[in-house]
Protein backbone atom coordinates (compact mmCIF):
# COMPACT_ATOMS: atom_id res chain seq x y z
CA MET A 1 108.45 62.46 81.56
CA ASN A 2 106.03 62.93 84.36
CA GLU A 3 102.36 63.52 83.63
CA LEU A 4 102.48 67.39 84.19
CA GLU A 5 105.39 67.72 81.66
CA SER A 6 103.36 65.77 79.24
CA LEU A 7 100.34 67.85 79.82
CA LEU A 8 102.12 71.13 79.54
CA GLY A 9 103.75 70.07 76.39
CA ARG A 10 100.31 69.33 74.95
CA TRP A 11 99.04 72.79 76.19
CA ALA A 12 102.26 74.51 74.80
CA ASN A 13 100.47 75.83 71.58
CA PHE A 14 97.52 77.14 73.68
CA TYR A 15 99.83 79.12 75.92
CA THR A 16 101.92 80.43 73.02
CA ALA A 17 98.57 81.57 71.40
CA MET A 18 97.49 83.21 74.57
CA MET A 19 100.90 85.05 74.89
CA GLN A 20 100.68 86.16 71.39
CA VAL A 21 96.91 87.34 71.88
CA ALA A 22 97.62 89.06 75.09
CA ALA A 23 100.70 90.96 73.83
CA ALA A 24 98.88 92.33 70.69
CA LEU A 25 95.75 93.37 72.71
CA ILE A 26 98.23 95.15 75.16
CA GLY A 27 99.83 97.06 72.16
CA LEU A 28 96.28 97.95 70.93
CA LEU A 29 95.45 99.30 74.36
CA PHE A 30 98.31 101.55 74.30
CA VAL A 31 96.98 102.96 71.08
CA VAL A 32 93.60 103.54 72.66
CA ILE A 33 95.27 105.07 75.72
CA ALA A 34 97.15 107.47 73.49
CA LEU A 35 93.96 108.39 71.54
CA GLY A 36 92.10 108.75 74.99
CA ALA A 37 94.80 111.04 76.26
CA GLN A 38 94.95 113.03 73.28
CA GLN A 39 91.10 113.55 73.66
CA GLY A 40 91.73 114.26 77.37
CA VAL A 41 93.86 117.22 76.59
CA LYS A 42 91.20 118.63 74.37
CA ALA A 43 88.28 117.88 76.83
CA GLY A 44 90.18 117.99 80.12
CA LYS A 45 88.24 115.25 81.80
CA ASN A 46 89.61 111.93 80.29
CA ALA A 47 92.75 111.58 82.73
CA ALA A 48 91.14 110.02 85.78
CA LYS A 49 88.92 107.93 83.57
CA ILE A 50 91.70 106.46 81.65
CA SER A 51 93.41 105.24 84.88
CA VAL A 52 90.04 103.86 86.33
CA TYR A 53 88.96 102.22 83.16
CA MET A 54 92.15 101.35 81.28
CA THR A 55 94.43 99.94 84.09
CA PRO A 56 92.29 96.80 84.66
CA PRO A 57 92.26 95.40 81.09
CA VAL A 58 96.04 96.12 80.82
CA ILE A 59 96.57 94.24 84.13
CA TYR A 60 94.34 91.44 83.05
CA PHE A 61 96.04 91.05 79.60
CA ALA A 62 99.53 91.04 81.40
CA ALA A 63 98.40 88.42 84.00
CA VAL A 64 97.39 86.18 80.84
CA LEU A 65 100.76 86.96 79.04
CA ILE A 66 102.82 86.27 82.13
CA LEU A 67 101.11 83.09 83.26
CA SER A 68 101.35 81.77 79.65
CA ALA A 69 104.98 82.55 79.65
CA LEU A 70 105.44 80.97 83.02
CA LEU A 71 103.68 77.80 81.99
CA THR A 72 105.77 77.37 78.96
CA PHE A 73 109.03 77.04 81.03
CA PRO A 74 110.52 73.60 80.41
CA SER A 75 110.78 71.09 83.39
CA HIS A 76 107.99 72.32 85.64
CA THR A 77 107.39 70.22 88.58
CA LEU A 78 104.00 70.11 90.17
CA LEU A 79 105.12 72.56 92.88
CA THR A 80 106.51 75.23 90.46
CA ALA A 81 103.49 75.03 88.07
CA THR A 82 101.14 75.24 91.07
CA LEU A 83 103.14 78.23 92.65
CA CYS A 84 103.03 80.22 89.43
CA THR A 85 99.50 79.75 88.86
CA VAL A 86 98.37 80.22 92.56
CA LEU A 87 100.43 83.20 93.14
CA LEU A 88 99.37 85.10 89.90
CA GLY A 89 95.69 84.13 90.74
CA THR A 90 96.12 85.49 94.24
CA GLY A 91 97.71 88.65 93.18
CA GLY A 92 94.68 89.13 90.78
CA ILE A 93 92.25 88.44 93.59
CA VAL A 94 93.88 91.00 95.78
CA TYR A 95 93.98 93.78 92.90
CA THR A 96 90.28 92.93 91.94
CA SER A 97 89.32 93.22 95.59
CA CYS A 98 90.69 96.58 95.74
CA LEU A 99 88.76 97.63 92.74
CA ILE A 100 85.54 96.34 94.33
CA GLY A 101 86.50 98.25 97.37
CA ASN A 102 86.94 101.55 95.37
CA ARG A 103 83.52 101.25 93.75
CA LYS A 104 82.95 105.00 93.91
CA SER A 105 85.27 105.44 90.92
CA TYR A 106 83.04 103.92 88.48
CA GLU A 107 80.38 106.10 86.71
CA GLU A 108 77.84 103.22 86.62
CA LYS A 109 77.38 100.34 89.05
CA GLN A 110 77.37 97.77 86.33
CA ASP A 111 80.93 98.91 85.45
CA LEU A 112 82.12 97.23 88.76
CA ILE A 113 80.68 93.87 87.64
CA VAL A 114 82.75 93.81 84.36
CA TYR A 115 85.85 95.50 85.51
CA ALA A 116 86.17 93.83 88.98
CA ILE A 117 83.66 91.17 89.99
CA LEU A 118 84.06 88.94 86.80
CA PRO A 119 87.74 89.36 86.84
CA PHE A 120 87.65 88.49 90.57
CA ALA A 121 85.85 85.07 89.73
CA ALA A 122 88.52 84.50 86.69
CA HIS A 123 91.46 84.96 88.98
CA ALA A 124 89.70 82.50 91.50
CA MET A 125 89.57 80.04 88.81
CA LEU A 126 93.25 80.32 88.35
CA VAL A 127 93.89 79.66 92.04
CA VAL A 128 91.45 76.61 91.98
CA GLY A 129 92.99 75.31 88.91
CA GLY A 130 96.51 75.85 90.36
CA ILE A 131 95.60 73.94 93.55
CA LEU A 132 94.05 71.16 91.52
CA LEU A 133 97.27 70.70 89.57
CA LEU A 134 98.55 68.81 92.75
CA SER A 135 95.83 66.22 92.54
CA ASN A 136 94.28 66.29 89.18
CA PRO A 137 96.67 68.03 86.69
CA ARG A 138 94.31 67.59 83.76
CA LEU A 139 91.38 69.28 85.40
CA GLY A 140 93.73 71.90 86.93
CA LEU A 141 95.01 73.01 83.57
CA THR A 142 91.61 72.99 82.21
CA LEU A 143 90.57 75.42 84.84
CA VAL A 144 93.64 77.48 84.37
CA ALA A 145 92.92 77.65 80.67
CA LEU A 146 89.29 78.74 81.36
CA GLY A 147 90.38 81.37 83.74
CA MET A 148 92.84 82.84 81.25
CA LEU A 149 90.10 82.80 78.63
CA SER A 150 87.69 84.45 80.78
CA LEU A 151 90.27 87.25 81.55
CA LEU A 152 90.89 87.77 77.83
CA THR A 153 87.26 87.80 77.05
CA ILE A 154 86.37 90.19 79.79
CA SER A 155 89.24 92.50 78.84
CA ILE A 156 88.29 92.42 75.27
CA ARG A 157 84.82 93.50 76.07
CA ASN A 158 86.11 96.20 78.45
CA SER A 159 88.63 97.50 75.86
CA TRP A 160 85.90 97.62 73.23
CA ALA A 161 83.79 99.77 75.61
CA ILE A 162 86.60 102.13 76.28
CA ALA A 163 87.36 102.42 72.48
CA ILE A 164 83.72 103.11 71.73
CA ASP A 165 83.68 105.68 74.55
CA VAL A 166 86.86 107.32 73.07
CA VAL A 167 85.29 107.49 69.59
CA ARG A 168 82.02 108.70 70.90
CA ARG A 169 83.66 111.62 72.96
CA ASP A 170 85.78 112.36 69.66
CA ARG A 171 82.47 113.03 67.84
CA SER A 172 80.80 114.95 70.40
């Protein structure tokens, strides 16, 4: 067994937990989306807001889910683990770059920070961690874990803000 297989084996419980959390939170987001869409029908103004504010957390949760699943594949080589991590992180960087470029969609400037800039940094951590897998697998996997935890934390915060907004609109 090589060093990476040994390390990935020790991280298996972490990745399994991350998959479960991300999947559960995606499911909860669909409930919030349904509630928001229902309110949008009444108010006639939530449809655009749902796509601007709900899509990023879903994508970030999905990224955590997919990367966790990929890293639990048995018999990874350094190259395959690096490719999985770097490609997913790069995809996230491209996506968040598009969000940063489309800053007019956000109602408040600080929304850009939590919906795009912080996730950009988390995806960059995934890329750096993936590259470090080649030279220092232990540090690389730690950075990948920090990137995944950052994406989860940011997405939970953003999902909470959206849920509060839906509840507030319901009472208005």
